[in-house]
C-alpha cells in the first residue's frame, strides 16, 4: 500500500525526516512513536498527501478518495452542525447512502443527540469524535490518524479502541501515538522516529 525509499522532509536547514525507508503492505497496521518534534506529524502529513517530501520516493496505492485522515485538528466546520458537516463531506466523497452512514457514525461516536447543534458549541473531545466520523465516512482503504486519542475522554477512547480493533487487518491503518500501549497489540509494524 505504501512504499518509501530514502524519504526526507526538510524545513529550511532543518531535516525533520531523513533517509526513511518504508514498506507497508495492504491491510497492515503501522504504529508510529517518538517524542515531540521527532517528525511523526510530518510523516503522516506526507503519507496523506498533504505535504510533499523534499527527498526520496513515495508511492501510495490509494487515491485521495480512499484516504481518511485525522490530524491535530479535526478538520470540521464550526459554523455547521455535526450532521451538516458529515453531509457535506459525504457529498464531496460521493458516499452512497451518506445520510444513513452519517447517522450510524454519529450514533456510534455518541454524537446523535447533538447532531443538529453547531460544532462551535462542542467540546474539544466532541470535535475529535466528529473528526473521526468524517475520516471514516467514506470507508477509506487507508486510514491515517495523528494522535487520535488527543482530547478524547475515557468513553471516546474506548470507542476508538473498538473501532481500530475492527479496522485492523481489514484496511491499512497508520497511527501515531504518545500512548502506544493502547494499540500496540493491533500493530503489525512499528516505527520509532
N, C-alpha and C. Protein backbone atom coordinates (compact mmCIF):
# COMPACT_ATOMS: atom_id res chain seq x y z
N UNK A 1 0.83 -1.20 0.00
CA UNK A 1 0.00 0.00 0.00
C UNK A 1 0.87 1.26 0.00
N UNK A 2 1.95 1.26 0.81
CA UNK A 2 2.84 2.42 0.88
C UNK A 2 4.29 1.95 0.77
N UNK A 3 5.02 2.51 -0.17
CA UNK A 3 6.45 2.26 -0.29
C UNK A 3 7.17 3.60 -0.32
N UNK A 4 8.20 3.70 0.51
CA UNK A 4 9.02 4.91 0.55
C UNK A 4 10.48 4.50 0.54
N UNK A 5 11.28 5.21 -0.24
CA UNK A 5 12.71 4.96 -0.32
C UNK A 5 13.45 6.27 -0.08
N UNK A 6 14.32 6.26 0.92
CA UNK A 6 15.15 7.43 1.26
C UNK A 6 14.30 8.69 1.42
N UNK A 7 13.13 8.54 2.01
CA UNK A 7 12.19 9.65 2.17
C UNK A 7 12.77 10.70 3.11
N UNK A 8 12.61 11.94 2.73
CA UNK A 8 13.10 13.03 3.57
C UNK A 8 12.21 14.24 3.48
N UNK A 9 12.21 15.00 4.56
CA UNK A 9 11.49 16.28 4.56
C UNK A 9 12.30 17.28 5.35
N UNK A 10 12.53 18.39 4.72
CA UNK A 10 13.35 19.46 5.28
C UNK A 10 12.51 20.71 5.37
N UNK A 11 12.68 21.46 6.44
CA UNK A 11 12.08 22.78 6.60
C UNK A 11 13.24 23.75 6.77
N UNK A 12 13.54 24.51 5.73
CA UNK A 12 14.70 25.38 5.76
C UNK A 12 15.96 24.54 5.83
N UNK A 13 16.79 24.77 6.83
CA UNK A 13 18.02 23.99 7.00
C UNK A 13 17.83 22.79 7.91
N UNK A 14 16.62 22.59 8.42
CA UNK A 14 16.38 21.54 9.40
C UNK A 14 15.77 20.29 8.75
N UNK A 15 16.47 19.16 8.87
CA UNK A 15 15.95 17.88 8.42
C UNK A 15 15.03 17.32 9.50
N UNK A 16 13.75 17.16 9.16
CA UNK A 16 12.81 16.57 10.11
C UNK A 16 12.76 15.07 9.91
N UNK A 17 12.77 14.65 8.65
CA UNK A 17 12.84 13.22 8.29
C UNK A 17 13.98 13.08 7.30
N UNK A 18 14.79 12.05 7.52
CA UNK A 18 15.93 11.85 6.63
C UNK A 18 16.14 10.36 6.35
N UNK A 19 16.19 10.00 5.07
CA UNK A 19 16.56 8.65 4.65
C UNK A 19 15.64 7.55 5.14
N UNK A 20 14.35 7.79 5.21
CA UNK A 20 13.40 6.82 5.74
C UNK A 20 12.92 5.87 4.64
N UNK A 21 13.04 4.57 4.91
CA UNK A 21 12.52 3.54 4.01
C UNK A 21 11.32 2.89 4.68
N UNK A 22 10.25 2.73 3.93
CA UNK A 22 9.03 2.10 4.44
C UNK A 22 8.48 1.13 3.41
N UNK A 23 7.93 0.03 3.89
CA UNK A 23 7.19 -0.90 3.04
C UNK A 23 6.00 -1.37 3.87
N UNK A 24 4.86 -0.74 3.64
CA UNK A 24 3.65 -1.04 4.41
C UNK A 24 2.68 -1.76 3.48
N UNK A 25 2.51 -3.07 3.69
CA UNK A 25 1.59 -3.81 2.82
C UNK A 25 0.13 -3.45 3.07
N UNK A 26 -0.71 -3.81 2.14
CA UNK A 26 -2.16 -3.60 2.29
C UNK A 26 -2.65 -4.32 3.54
N UNK A 27 -3.53 -3.68 4.26
CA UNK A 27 -4.16 -4.21 5.48
C UNK A 27 -3.19 -4.33 6.66
N UNK A 28 -2.05 -3.66 6.60
CA UNK A 28 -1.13 -3.61 7.73
C UNK A 28 -1.55 -2.50 8.68
N UNK A 29 -1.05 -2.56 9.90
CA UNK A 29 -1.34 -1.54 10.92
C UNK A 29 0.01 -1.06 11.42
N UNK A 30 0.38 0.19 11.05
CA UNK A 30 1.66 0.76 11.45
C UNK A 30 1.45 1.69 12.63
N UNK A 31 2.18 1.45 13.69
CA UNK A 31 2.19 2.32 14.87
C UNK A 31 3.47 3.14 14.82
N UNK A 32 3.33 4.47 14.79
CA UNK A 32 4.47 5.38 14.73
C UNK A 32 4.59 6.05 16.09
N UNK A 33 5.78 5.94 16.70
CA UNK A 33 6.02 6.55 18.00
C UNK A 33 7.24 7.47 17.92
N UNK A 34 7.39 8.28 18.95
CA UNK A 34 8.52 9.20 19.02
C UNK A 34 8.13 10.41 19.84
N UNK A 35 9.12 11.11 20.30
CA UNK A 35 8.88 12.29 21.12
C UNK A 35 8.37 13.46 20.30
N UNK A 36 8.01 14.51 21.00
CA UNK A 36 7.59 15.74 20.32
C UNK A 36 8.72 16.24 19.43
N UNK A 37 8.39 16.63 18.21
CA UNK A 37 9.39 17.14 17.28
C UNK A 37 10.17 16.07 16.54
N UNK A 38 9.79 14.80 16.70
CA UNK A 38 10.53 13.71 16.06
C UNK A 38 10.16 13.52 14.59
N UNK A 39 9.07 14.14 14.12
CA UNK A 39 8.68 14.03 12.72
C UNK A 39 7.44 13.18 12.48
N UNK A 40 6.76 12.75 13.53
CA UNK A 40 5.57 11.90 13.37
C UNK A 40 4.49 12.60 12.53
N UNK A 41 4.12 13.79 12.93
CA UNK A 41 3.06 14.52 12.22
C UNK A 41 3.48 14.85 10.79
N UNK A 42 4.74 15.19 10.61
CA UNK A 42 5.25 15.46 9.26
C UNK A 42 5.13 14.23 8.39
N UNK A 43 5.53 13.06 8.91
CA UNK A 43 5.45 11.82 8.15
C UNK A 43 4.00 11.51 7.78
N UNK A 44 3.09 11.62 8.73
CA UNK A 44 1.70 11.30 8.44
C UNK A 44 1.10 12.27 7.43
N UNK A 45 1.49 13.54 7.49
CA UNK A 45 1.02 14.51 6.50
C UNK A 45 1.54 14.17 5.11
N UNK A 46 2.76 13.69 5.03
CA UNK A 46 3.32 13.26 3.74
C UNK A 46 2.56 12.05 3.21
N UNK A 47 2.32 11.07 4.07
CA UNK A 47 1.61 9.86 3.64
C UNK A 47 0.18 10.16 3.20
N UNK A 48 -0.44 11.16 3.82
CA UNK A 48 -1.81 11.55 3.47
C UNK A 48 -1.87 12.41 2.22
N UNK A 49 -0.71 12.83 1.70
CA UNK A 49 -0.67 13.67 0.51
C UNK A 49 -0.87 15.14 0.79
N UNK A 50 -0.74 15.54 2.05
CA UNK A 50 -0.93 16.94 2.43
C UNK A 50 0.36 17.74 2.42
N UNK A 51 1.47 17.04 2.39
CA UNK A 51 2.79 17.66 2.42
C UNK A 51 3.69 16.85 1.48
N UNK A 52 4.48 17.52 0.68
CA UNK A 52 5.37 16.82 -0.26
C UNK A 52 6.71 16.55 0.40
N UNK A 53 7.29 15.38 0.14
CA UNK A 53 8.64 15.13 0.63
C UNK A 53 9.64 15.99 -0.14
N UNK A 54 10.74 16.33 0.50
CA UNK A 54 11.79 17.08 -0.21
C UNK A 54 12.84 16.15 -0.78
N UNK A 55 12.87 14.90 -0.32
CA UNK A 55 13.83 13.91 -0.81
C UNK A 55 13.15 12.54 -0.90
N UNK A 56 13.72 11.70 -1.75
CA UNK A 56 13.28 10.32 -1.83
C UNK A 56 12.07 10.10 -2.71
N UNK A 57 11.62 8.86 -2.69
CA UNK A 57 10.48 8.44 -3.50
C UNK A 57 9.38 7.92 -2.59
N UNK A 58 8.14 8.22 -2.95
CA UNK A 58 6.99 7.75 -2.19
C UNK A 58 5.92 7.27 -3.16
N UNK A 59 5.39 6.08 -2.90
CA UNK A 59 4.27 5.55 -3.68
C UNK A 59 3.20 5.11 -2.70
N UNK A 60 2.02 5.69 -2.84
CA UNK A 60 0.86 5.32 -2.03
C UNK A 60 -0.20 4.78 -2.98
N UNK A 61 -0.57 3.51 -2.78
CA UNK A 61 -1.52 2.86 -3.68
C UNK A 61 -2.96 3.08 -3.23
N UNK A 62 -3.28 4.31 -2.94
CA UNK A 62 -4.65 4.70 -2.59
C UNK A 62 -4.86 6.10 -3.14
N UNK A 63 -5.97 6.28 -3.82
CA UNK A 63 -6.29 7.61 -4.32
C UNK A 63 -6.78 8.50 -3.20
N UNK A 64 -6.87 9.79 -3.47
CA UNK A 64 -7.32 10.75 -2.44
C UNK A 64 -8.66 10.36 -1.83
N UNK A 65 -9.55 9.86 -2.65
CA UNK A 65 -10.86 9.46 -2.17
C UNK A 65 -10.87 8.19 -1.35
N UNK A 66 -9.72 7.53 -1.25
CA UNK A 66 -9.60 6.28 -0.49
C UNK A 66 -8.80 6.46 0.80
N UNK A 67 -8.49 7.73 1.13
CA UNK A 67 -7.70 8.02 2.33
C UNK A 67 -8.56 8.77 3.34
N UNK A 68 -8.53 8.32 4.57
CA UNK A 68 -9.16 9.04 5.67
C UNK A 68 -8.06 9.55 6.58
N UNK A 69 -8.14 10.83 6.98
CA UNK A 69 -7.06 11.44 7.75
C UNK A 69 -7.62 12.28 8.88
N UNK A 70 -7.06 12.11 10.06
CA UNK A 70 -7.34 12.98 11.19
C UNK A 70 -6.00 13.45 11.74
N UNK A 71 -5.80 14.77 11.72
CA UNK A 71 -4.58 15.36 12.27
C UNK A 71 -4.84 15.97 13.63
N UNK A 72 -4.03 16.93 13.99
CA UNK A 72 -4.19 17.58 15.30
C UNK A 72 -5.49 18.37 15.38
N UNK A 73 -5.99 18.81 14.26
CA UNK A 73 -7.28 19.49 14.19
C UNK A 73 -8.27 18.54 13.53
N UNK A 74 -9.53 18.53 13.96
CA UNK A 74 -10.50 17.58 13.41
C UNK A 74 -10.96 17.89 11.98
N UNK A 75 -10.62 19.08 11.47
CA UNK A 75 -10.96 19.48 10.10
C UNK A 75 -12.45 19.40 9.82
N UNK A 76 -13.23 20.02 10.71
CA UNK A 76 -14.66 20.15 10.52
C UNK A 76 -15.01 21.64 10.61
N UNK A 77 -16.16 22.01 10.09
CA UNK A 77 -16.58 23.40 10.05
C UNK A 77 -17.39 23.75 11.30
N UNK A 78 -16.89 24.71 12.07
CA UNK A 78 -17.54 25.11 13.32
C UNK A 78 -18.92 25.72 13.10
N UNK A 79 -19.13 26.39 11.98
CA UNK A 79 -20.41 27.07 11.76
C UNK A 79 -21.50 26.12 11.25
N UNK A 80 -21.15 24.88 10.98
CA UNK A 80 -22.13 23.87 10.56
C UNK A 80 -22.46 22.96 11.74
N UNK A 81 -23.57 22.25 11.64
CA UNK A 81 -23.91 21.25 12.64
C UNK A 81 -23.10 19.99 12.35
N UNK A 82 -23.12 19.06 13.30
CA UNK A 82 -22.41 17.79 13.09
C UNK A 82 -22.96 17.08 11.85
N UNK A 83 -24.28 17.03 11.73
CA UNK A 83 -24.89 16.36 10.59
C UNK A 83 -24.60 17.08 9.28
N UNK A 84 -24.63 18.40 9.29
CA UNK A 84 -24.31 19.17 8.08
C UNK A 84 -22.86 18.93 7.65
N UNK A 85 -21.94 18.83 8.61
CA UNK A 85 -20.55 18.54 8.29
C UNK A 85 -20.44 17.20 7.57
N UNK A 86 -21.04 16.18 8.14
CA UNK A 86 -20.92 14.85 7.53
C UNK A 86 -21.66 14.78 6.21
N UNK A 87 -22.77 15.49 6.09
CA UNK A 87 -23.48 15.51 4.81
C UNK A 87 -22.63 16.18 3.73
N UNK A 88 -21.96 17.27 4.10
CA UNK A 88 -21.07 17.96 3.16
C UNK A 88 -19.93 17.04 2.71
N UNK A 89 -19.24 16.45 3.67
CA UNK A 89 -18.12 15.57 3.31
C UNK A 89 -18.60 14.33 2.56
N UNK A 90 -19.77 13.84 2.93
CA UNK A 90 -20.34 12.69 2.22
C UNK A 90 -20.63 13.01 0.77
N UNK A 91 -21.11 14.23 0.51
CA UNK A 91 -21.37 14.62 -0.88
C UNK A 91 -20.06 14.82 -1.65
N UNK A 92 -19.05 15.38 -0.98
CA UNK A 92 -17.74 15.55 -1.64
C UNK A 92 -17.11 14.21 -2.02
N UNK A 93 -17.28 13.22 -1.16
CA UNK A 93 -16.72 11.89 -1.41
C UNK A 93 -17.69 10.98 -2.17
N UNK A 94 -18.87 11.53 -2.50
CA UNK A 94 -19.89 10.76 -3.24
C UNK A 94 -20.23 9.45 -2.53
N UNK A 95 -20.47 9.55 -1.23
CA UNK A 95 -20.81 8.38 -0.42
C UNK A 95 -22.26 8.01 -0.69
N UNK A 96 -22.46 6.79 -1.15
CA UNK A 96 -23.82 6.29 -1.36
C UNK A 96 -24.49 6.13 0.01
N UNK A 97 -25.71 6.58 0.13
CA UNK A 97 -26.42 6.49 1.40
C UNK A 97 -25.73 7.28 2.51
N UNK A 98 -25.23 8.47 2.15
CA UNK A 98 -24.40 9.23 3.09
C UNK A 98 -25.13 9.62 4.36
N UNK A 99 -26.42 9.91 4.27
CA UNK A 99 -27.14 10.31 5.48
C UNK A 99 -27.28 9.14 6.46
N UNK A 100 -27.52 7.96 5.91
CA UNK A 100 -27.61 6.77 6.77
C UNK A 100 -26.25 6.46 7.39
N UNK A 101 -25.20 6.56 6.58
CA UNK A 101 -23.84 6.30 7.08
C UNK A 101 -23.47 7.35 8.14
N UNK A 102 -23.80 8.60 7.89
CA UNK A 102 -23.52 9.66 8.86
C UNK A 102 -24.27 9.40 10.16
N UNK A 103 -25.53 9.03 10.05
CA UNK A 103 -26.32 8.72 11.24
C UNK A 103 -25.73 7.58 12.05
N UNK A 104 -25.26 6.55 11.36
CA UNK A 104 -24.67 5.41 12.03
C UNK A 104 -23.40 5.81 12.78
N UNK A 105 -22.55 6.63 12.13
CA UNK A 105 -21.31 7.06 12.77
C UNK A 105 -21.58 7.99 13.95
N UNK A 106 -22.54 8.90 13.79
CA UNK A 106 -22.88 9.80 14.89
C UNK A 106 -23.42 9.01 16.09
N UNK A 107 -24.19 7.99 15.81
CA UNK A 107 -24.68 7.12 16.88
C UNK A 107 -23.52 6.40 17.56
N UNK A 108 -22.65 5.83 16.75
CA UNK A 108 -21.53 5.06 17.28
C UNK A 108 -20.61 5.92 18.15
N UNK A 109 -20.38 7.16 17.75
CA UNK A 109 -19.47 8.03 18.49
C UNK A 109 -20.20 8.95 19.47
N UNK A 110 -21.42 8.53 19.84
CA UNK A 110 -22.21 9.21 20.88
C UNK A 110 -22.43 10.69 20.58
N UNK A 111 -22.71 10.99 19.32
CA UNK A 111 -22.99 12.37 18.90
C UNK A 111 -24.40 12.51 18.32
N UNK A 112 -25.17 11.47 18.36
CA UNK A 112 -26.51 11.50 17.77
C UNK A 112 -27.37 12.59 18.39
N UNK A 113 -27.31 12.74 19.70
CA UNK A 113 -28.17 13.71 20.38
C UNK A 113 -27.78 15.15 20.10
N UNK A 114 -26.58 15.38 19.58
CA UNK A 114 -26.12 16.75 19.29
C UNK A 114 -25.92 16.96 17.79
N UNK A 115 -26.48 16.08 16.99
CA UNK A 115 -26.27 16.12 15.53
C UNK A 115 -26.72 17.43 14.90
N UNK A 116 -27.70 18.10 15.51
CA UNK A 116 -28.22 19.34 14.93
C UNK A 116 -27.67 20.59 15.62
N UNK A 117 -26.64 20.42 16.44
CA UNK A 117 -26.02 21.56 17.11
C UNK A 117 -24.77 21.98 16.34
N UNK A 118 -24.48 23.27 16.38
CA UNK A 118 -23.28 23.78 15.69
C UNK A 118 -22.02 23.26 16.39
N UNK A 119 -21.04 22.91 15.59
CA UNK A 119 -19.79 22.35 16.10
C UNK A 119 -19.08 23.35 17.02
N UNK A 120 -19.31 24.63 16.82
CA UNK A 120 -18.67 25.64 17.67
C UNK A 120 -19.06 25.48 19.14
N UNK A 121 -20.17 24.80 19.42
CA UNK A 121 -20.60 24.58 20.80
C UNK A 121 -20.03 23.30 21.40
N UNK A 122 -19.32 22.51 20.59
CA UNK A 122 -18.78 21.22 21.04
C UNK A 122 -17.51 21.40 21.86
N UNK A 123 -17.29 20.49 22.78
CA UNK A 123 -16.02 20.41 23.49
C UNK A 123 -14.96 19.92 22.50
N UNK A 124 -13.70 20.06 22.88
CA UNK A 124 -12.61 19.59 22.00
C UNK A 124 -12.73 18.08 21.76
N UNK A 125 -13.11 17.32 22.78
CA UNK A 125 -13.28 15.88 22.62
C UNK A 125 -14.40 15.52 21.66
N UNK A 126 -15.50 16.27 21.72
CA UNK A 126 -16.61 16.03 20.79
C UNK A 126 -16.20 16.37 19.36
N UNK A 127 -15.42 17.43 19.21
CA UNK A 127 -14.92 17.77 17.88
C UNK A 127 -14.01 16.67 17.35
N UNK A 128 -13.19 16.10 18.23
CA UNK A 128 -12.31 15.00 17.81
C UNK A 128 -13.13 13.79 17.38
N UNK A 129 -14.20 13.49 18.11
CA UNK A 129 -15.08 12.38 17.71
C UNK A 129 -15.69 12.64 16.34
N UNK A 130 -16.12 13.88 16.11
CA UNK A 130 -16.70 14.22 14.82
C UNK A 130 -15.65 14.13 13.71
N UNK A 131 -14.42 14.52 14.02
CA UNK A 131 -13.33 14.37 13.05
C UNK A 131 -13.10 12.91 12.68
N UNK A 132 -13.23 12.02 13.64
CA UNK A 132 -13.11 10.59 13.36
C UNK A 132 -14.27 10.11 12.48
N UNK A 133 -15.48 10.60 12.76
CA UNK A 133 -16.62 10.26 11.91
C UNK A 133 -16.37 10.71 10.47
N UNK A 134 -15.85 11.94 10.33
CA UNK A 134 -15.55 12.48 8.99
C UNK A 134 -14.54 11.61 8.27
N UNK A 135 -13.51 11.17 8.97
CA UNK A 135 -12.46 10.37 8.34
C UNK A 135 -12.95 8.98 7.96
N UNK A 136 -13.93 8.46 8.67
CA UNK A 136 -14.44 7.10 8.41
C UNK A 136 -15.64 7.08 7.48
N UNK A 137 -16.23 8.24 7.23
CA UNK A 137 -17.48 8.35 6.49
C UNK A 137 -17.45 7.63 5.15
N UNK A 138 -16.39 7.78 4.41
CA UNK A 138 -16.30 7.22 3.06
C UNK A 138 -15.62 5.84 3.03
N UNK A 139 -15.51 5.20 4.21
CA UNK A 139 -14.96 3.85 4.33
C UNK A 139 -13.60 3.74 3.63
N UNK A 140 -12.63 4.54 4.07
CA UNK A 140 -11.34 4.60 3.37
C UNK A 140 -10.54 3.31 3.45
N UNK A 141 -9.75 3.06 2.43
CA UNK A 141 -8.86 1.90 2.42
C UNK A 141 -7.57 2.18 3.18
N UNK A 142 -7.20 3.46 3.30
CA UNK A 142 -6.03 3.87 4.06
C UNK A 142 -6.49 4.90 5.09
N UNK A 143 -6.31 4.56 6.36
CA UNK A 143 -6.72 5.44 7.44
C UNK A 143 -5.47 5.92 8.16
N UNK A 144 -5.30 7.24 8.23
CA UNK A 144 -4.11 7.85 8.84
C UNK A 144 -4.58 8.73 9.99
N UNK A 145 -4.13 8.38 11.20
CA UNK A 145 -4.58 9.08 12.40
C UNK A 145 -3.38 9.59 13.18
N UNK A 146 -3.30 10.90 13.34
CA UNK A 146 -2.21 11.54 14.06
C UNK A 146 -2.69 11.89 15.47
N UNK A 147 -2.22 11.15 16.45
CA UNK A 147 -2.61 11.34 17.86
C UNK A 147 -4.13 11.37 18.02
N UNK A 148 -4.81 10.29 17.58
CA UNK A 148 -6.27 10.32 17.60
C UNK A 148 -6.89 10.33 19.00
N UNK A 149 -6.13 9.95 20.02
CA UNK A 149 -6.67 9.94 21.38
C UNK A 149 -6.63 11.32 22.04
N UNK A 150 -5.97 12.28 21.40
CA UNK A 150 -5.87 13.62 21.97
C UNK A 150 -7.27 14.18 22.21
N UNK A 151 -7.50 14.67 23.40
CA UNK A 151 -8.74 15.33 23.83
C UNK A 151 -9.92 14.39 24.02
N UNK A 152 -9.76 13.10 23.75
CA UNK A 152 -10.87 12.18 23.97
C UNK A 152 -10.97 11.82 25.44
N UNK A 153 -12.20 11.75 25.93
CA UNK A 153 -12.41 11.28 27.29
C UNK A 153 -12.34 9.75 27.30
N UNK A 154 -12.56 9.14 28.46
CA UNK A 154 -12.44 7.68 28.58
C UNK A 154 -13.41 6.96 27.65
N UNK A 155 -14.64 7.45 27.56
CA UNK A 155 -15.64 6.81 26.70
C UNK A 155 -15.24 6.93 25.23
N UNK A 156 -14.78 8.11 24.82
CA UNK A 156 -14.35 8.30 23.44
C UNK A 156 -13.14 7.45 23.10
N UNK A 157 -12.21 7.32 24.05
CA UNK A 157 -11.02 6.49 23.84
C UNK A 157 -11.41 5.03 23.69
N UNK A 158 -12.37 4.58 24.48
CA UNK A 158 -12.84 3.19 24.37
C UNK A 158 -13.51 2.94 23.03
N UNK A 159 -14.29 3.91 22.56
CA UNK A 159 -14.92 3.78 21.24
C UNK A 159 -13.87 3.68 20.14
N UNK A 160 -12.82 4.50 20.26
CA UNK A 160 -11.75 4.46 19.26
C UNK A 160 -11.00 3.13 19.33
N UNK A 161 -10.74 2.63 20.55
CA UNK A 161 -10.10 1.31 20.69
C UNK A 161 -10.90 0.26 19.93
N UNK A 162 -12.21 0.27 20.14
CA UNK A 162 -13.09 -0.71 19.50
C UNK A 162 -13.06 -0.57 17.98
N UNK A 163 -13.14 0.68 17.50
CA UNK A 163 -13.14 0.93 16.06
C UNK A 163 -11.83 0.47 15.42
N UNK A 164 -10.70 0.80 16.04
CA UNK A 164 -9.41 0.38 15.50
C UNK A 164 -9.27 -1.14 15.51
N UNK A 165 -9.80 -1.77 16.55
CA UNK A 165 -9.78 -3.23 16.59
C UNK A 165 -10.54 -3.85 15.43
N UNK A 166 -11.67 -3.23 15.06
CA UNK A 166 -12.46 -3.72 13.93
C UNK A 166 -11.76 -3.45 12.60
N UNK A 167 -11.09 -2.32 12.50
CA UNK A 167 -10.45 -1.95 11.23
C UNK A 167 -9.13 -2.68 10.98
N UNK A 168 -8.46 -3.09 12.05
CA UNK A 168 -7.18 -3.77 11.92
C UNK A 168 -7.36 -5.02 11.05
N UNK A 169 -6.49 -5.20 10.11
CA UNK A 169 -6.43 -6.32 9.17
C UNK A 169 -7.53 -6.30 8.12
N UNK A 170 -8.33 -5.22 8.06
CA UNK A 170 -9.33 -5.10 7.00
C UNK A 170 -9.03 -3.92 6.10
N UNK A 171 -8.09 -3.09 6.50
CA UNK A 171 -7.62 -1.96 5.71
C UNK A 171 -6.27 -1.53 6.26
N UNK A 172 -5.60 -0.66 5.58
CA UNK A 172 -4.30 -0.19 6.04
C UNK A 172 -4.51 0.98 7.00
N UNK A 173 -3.87 0.88 8.16
CA UNK A 173 -4.02 1.90 9.20
C UNK A 173 -2.64 2.37 9.62
N UNK A 174 -2.46 3.68 9.70
CA UNK A 174 -1.22 4.28 10.20
C UNK A 174 -1.63 5.22 11.33
N UNK A 175 -1.07 4.97 12.53
CA UNK A 175 -1.44 5.75 13.71
C UNK A 175 -0.18 6.20 14.42
N UNK A 176 -0.10 7.50 14.73
CA UNK A 176 0.96 7.98 15.61
C UNK A 176 0.33 8.18 16.98
N UNK A 177 1.09 7.86 18.01
CA UNK A 177 0.50 7.97 19.34
C UNK A 177 1.57 8.14 20.41
N UNK A 178 1.23 8.98 21.40
CA UNK A 178 2.04 9.08 22.61
C UNK A 178 1.60 8.02 23.62
N UNK A 179 0.55 7.27 23.28
CA UNK A 179 0.03 6.23 24.14
C UNK A 179 0.06 4.89 23.41
N UNK A 180 1.25 4.42 23.00
CA UNK A 180 1.32 3.22 22.17
C UNK A 180 0.74 1.98 22.83
N UNK A 181 0.74 1.95 24.16
CA UNK A 181 0.24 0.77 24.86
C UNK A 181 -1.23 0.50 24.55
N UNK A 182 -1.97 1.52 24.18
CA UNK A 182 -3.40 1.34 23.86
C UNK A 182 -3.60 0.50 22.62
N UNK A 183 -2.70 0.61 21.65
CA UNK A 183 -2.92 -0.05 20.36
C UNK A 183 -1.77 -0.95 19.92
N UNK A 184 -0.80 -1.12 20.79
CA UNK A 184 0.37 -1.92 20.43
C UNK A 184 -0.01 -3.33 19.96
N UNK A 185 -1.03 -3.91 20.58
CA UNK A 185 -1.43 -5.27 20.22
C UNK A 185 -2.00 -5.36 18.81
N UNK A 186 -2.47 -4.24 18.26
CA UNK A 186 -3.04 -4.23 16.90
C UNK A 186 -1.96 -4.05 15.83
N UNK A 187 -0.84 -3.49 16.23
CA UNK A 187 0.21 -3.12 15.26
C UNK A 187 0.88 -4.35 14.66
N UNK A 188 0.94 -4.36 13.34
CA UNK A 188 1.71 -5.40 12.64
C UNK A 188 3.09 -4.87 12.29
N UNK A 189 3.24 -3.52 12.33
CA UNK A 189 4.51 -2.87 12.08
C UNK A 189 4.66 -1.72 13.07
N UNK A 190 5.91 -1.44 13.46
CA UNK A 190 6.17 -0.32 14.37
C UNK A 190 7.32 0.49 13.82
N UNK A 191 7.23 1.80 13.99
CA UNK A 191 8.27 2.71 13.56
C UNK A 191 8.50 3.73 14.65
N UNK A 192 9.71 3.79 15.16
CA UNK A 192 10.09 4.79 16.16
C UNK A 192 10.88 5.88 15.48
N UNK A 193 10.42 7.10 15.58
CA UNK A 193 11.14 8.24 14.98
C UNK A 193 11.90 9.00 16.05
